[in-house]
C-alpha atoms as a PDB file:
ATOM      1  CA  MET A   1      76.593  86.363  93.850  1.00  0.00           C
ATOM      2  CA  ASN A   2      73.584  88.570  94.287  1.00  0.00           C
ATOM      3  CA  PRO A   3      74.354  92.120  93.020  1.00  0.00           C
ATOM      4  CA  SER A   4      73.337  93.621  96.366  1.00  0.00           C
ATOM      5  CA  THR A   5      75.722  91.422  98.391  1.00  0.00           C
ATOM      6  CA  PRO A   6      78.764  93.779  98.291  1.00  0.00           C
ATOM      7  CA  SER A   7      76.568  96.684  99.426  1.00  0.00           C
ATOM      8  CA  HIS A   8      75.152  94.539 102.204  1.00  0.00           C
ATOM      9  CA  TRP A   9      78.686  93.601 103.332  1.00  0.00           C
ATOM     10  CA  LEU A  10      79.754  97.254 103.259  1.00  0.00           C
ATOM     11  CA  ASN A  11      76.732  98.323 105.323  1.00  0.00           C
ATOM     12  CA  LYS A  12      77.390  95.623 107.922  1.00  0.00           C
ATOM     13  CA  TRP A  13      81.070  96.594 108.153  1.00  0.00           C
ATOM     14  CA  LEU A  14      80.273 100.311 108.501  1.00  0.00           C
ATOM     15  CA  LYS A  15      77.730  99.582 111.211  1.00  0.00           C
ATOM     16  CA  ARG A  16      80.167  97.310 113.067  1.00  0.00           C
ATOM     17  CA  LYS A  17      82.825 100.049 112.963  1.00  0.00           C
ATOM     18  CA  GLY A  18      80.384 102.765 114.004  1.00  0.00           C
ATOM     19  CA  LEU A  19      80.882 104.665 110.747  1.00  0.00           C
ATOM     20  CA  PRO A  20      78.233 106.613 108.850  1.00  0.00           C
ATOM     21  CA  HIS A  21      76.418 105.023 105.938  1.00  0.00           C
ATOM     22  CA  ILE A  22      78.061 105.534 102.541  1.00  0.00           C
ATOM     23  CA  THR A  23      77.418 103.846  99.216  1.00  0.00           C
ATOM     24  CA  PHE A  24      80.047 102.433  96.876  1.00  0.00           C
ATOM     25  CA  HIS A  25      79.264 105.246  94.468  1.00  0.00           C
ATOM     26  CA  GLU A  26      79.880 107.812  97.214  1.00  0.00           C
ATOM     27  CA  LEU A  27      83.166 106.071  97.999  1.00  0.00           C
ATOM     28  CA  ARG A  28      84.124 106.474  94.349  1.00  0.00           C
ATOM     29  CA  HIS A  29      83.449 110.214  94.497  1.00  0.00           C
ATOM     30  CA  THR A  30      85.342 110.508  97.777  1.00  0.00           C
ATOM     31  CA  HIS A  31      88.271 108.641  96.222  1.00  0.00           C
ATOM     32  CA  VAL A  32      88.455 111.038  93.277  1.00  0.00           C
ATOM     33  CA  SER A  33      87.979 114.132  95.440  1.00  0.00           C
ATOM     34  CA  LEU A  34      90.831 113.035  97.713  1.00  0.00           C
ATOM     35  CA  LEU A  35      93.105 112.468  94.726  1.00  0.00           C
ATOM     36  CA  VAL A  36      92.240 115.885  93.275  1.00  0.00           C
ATOM     37  CA  SER A  37      92.827 117.617  96.613  1.00  0.00           C
ATOM     38  CA  ASN A  38      96.235 115.968  96.847  1.00  0.00           C
ATOM     39  CA  ASP A  39      97.379 117.255  93.448  1.00  0.00           C
ATOM     40  CA  VAL A  40      97.179 113.969  91.529  1.00  0.00           C
ATOM     41  CA  ASP A  41      97.041 114.777  87.823  1.00  0.00           C
ATOM     42  CA  ILE A  42      93.680 114.467  86.130  1.00  0.00           C
ATOM     43  CA  ALA A  43      94.928 111.974  83.505  1.00  0.00           C
ATOM     44  CA  THR A  44      95.936 109.521  86.241  1.00  0.00           C
ATOM     45  CA  ILE A  45      92.650 109.996  88.065  1.00  0.00           C
ATOM     46  CA  SER A  46      90.659 109.517  84.859  1.00  0.00           C
ATOM     47  CA  LYS A  47      92.489 106.301  84.072  1.00  0.00           C
ATOM     48  CA  ARG A  48      92.089 105.066  87.636  1.00  0.00           C
ATOM     49  CA  VAL A  49      88.289 105.462  87.598  1.00  0.00           C
ATOM     50  CA  GLY A  50      87.956 103.985  84.134  1.00  0.00           C
ATOM     51  CA  HIS A  51      86.862 106.995  82.137  1.00  0.00           C
ATOM     52  CA  ALA A  52      87.678 106.660  78.442  1.00  0.00           C
ATOM     53  CA  LYS A  53      88.107 110.432  78.126  1.00  0.00           C
ATOM     54  CA  ILE A  54      89.708 112.895  80.520  1.00  0.00           C
ATOM     55  CA  GLY A  55      86.887 115.306  79.658  1.00  0.00           C
ATOM     56  CA  THR A  56      84.423 113.011  81.395  1.00  0.00           C
ATOM     57  CA  THR A  57      86.406 113.211  84.619  1.00  0.00           C
ATOM     58  CA  LEU A  58      86.773 116.977  84.257  1.00  0.00           C
ATOM     59  CA  ASN A  59      83.018 117.409  83.784  1.00  0.00           C
ATOM     60  CA  ILE A  60      82.002 115.199  86.684  1.00  0.00           C
ATOM     61  CA  TYR A  61      84.547 116.483  89.192  1.00  0.00           C
ATOM     62  CA  SER A  62      84.702 120.152  88.188  1.00  0.00           C
ATOM     63  CA  HIS A  63      83.595 121.201  91.709  1.00  0.00           C
ATOM     64  CA  ALA A  64      86.666 119.566  93.242  1.00  0.00           C
ATOM     65  CA  LEU A  65      88.914 120.990  90.550  1.00  0.00           C
ATOM     66  CA  LYS A  66      87.606 124.516  91.185  1.00  0.00           C
ATOM     67  CA  SER A  67      88.657 124.322  94.822  1.00  0.00           C
ATOM     68  CA  ARG A  68      92.129 123.212  93.680  1.00  0.00           C
ATOM     69  CA  ASP A  69      92.230 126.187  91.335  1.00  0.00           C
ATOM     70  CA  VAL A  70      91.670 128.533  94.277  1.00  0.00           C
ATOM     71  CA  ALA A  71      94.493 126.826  96.180  1.00  0.00           C
ATOM     72  CA  VAL A  72      96.823 127.143  93.181  1.00  0.00           C
ATOM     73  CA  ALA A  73      95.915 130.818  92.773  1.00  0.00           C
ATOM     74  CA  ASN A  74      96.751 131.404  96.437  1.00  0.00           C
ATOM     75  CA  LYS A  75     100.117 129.643  96.018  1.00  0.00           C
ATOM     76  CA  LEU A  76     100.904 131.772  92.985  1.00  0.00           C
ATOM     77  CA  ASP A  77      99.957 134.903  94.897  1.00  0.00           C
ATOM     78  CA  ASP A  78     102.296 133.888  97.734  1.00  0.00           C
ATOM     79  CA  MET A  79     105.152 133.243  95.287  1.00  0.00           C
ATOM     80  CA  VAL A  80     104.713 136.558  93.490  1.00  0.00           C
ATOM     81  CA  THR A  81     104.288 138.506  96.722  1.00  0.00           C
ATOM     82  CA  SER A  82     107.365 136.858  98.221  1.00  0.00           C
ATOM     83  CA  LYS A  83     109.461 137.517  95.106  1.00  0.00           C
ATOM     84  CA  PHE A  84     108.253 141.121  94.910  1.00  0.00           C
ATOM     85  CA  SER A  85     108.943 141.704  98.613  1.00  0.00           C
ATOM     86  CA  THR A  86     112.466 140.295  98.232  1.00  0.00           C
ATOM     87  CA  GLN A  87     113.160 142.540  95.251  1.00  0.00           C
ATOM     88  CA  LEU A  88     111.847 145.601  97.110  1.00  0.00           C
ATOM     89  CA  GLU A  89     114.033 144.784 100.101  1.00  0.00           C
ATOM     90  CA  GLN A  90     117.103 144.396  97.854  1.00  0.00           C
ATOM     91  CA  ARG A  91     116.355 147.720  96.149  1.00  0.00           C
ATOM     92  CA  ARG A  92     115.901 149.447  99.527  1.00  0.00           C
ATOM     93  CA  ARG A  93     119.305 148.166 100.663  1.00  0.00           C
ATOM     94  CA  GLN A  94     120.919 149.398  97.465  1.00  0.00           C
ATOM     95  CA  ILE A  95     119.456 152.845  97.964  1.00  0.00           C
ATOM     96  CA  GLU A  96     120.545 152.948 101.603  1.00  0.00           C
ATOM     97  CA  GLY A  97     124.023 151.741 100.603  1.00  0.00           C
ATOM     98  CA  LYS A  98     123.956 148.600 102.700  1.00  0.00           C
END
């Protein structure tokens, strides 16, 4: 098979479906970014894309991981705020004798 045949097939399929052009390499990046954004652990992702070292995956996809870090920080903030608010409400009730 000619090395360009799979790309040619993909381009024809995308065109037939009215989808924008994307390369196989871009599909690979999309695949990893989707896994990262859905909280799949980095070791599984690294294995799935064939990287011998997790560090390779971390280096290449650090942009996607940074956005996950922001989401995790927001979740932590919500948990702490919720816990703190609950404790304050309990303390207020104790003081008021309720």
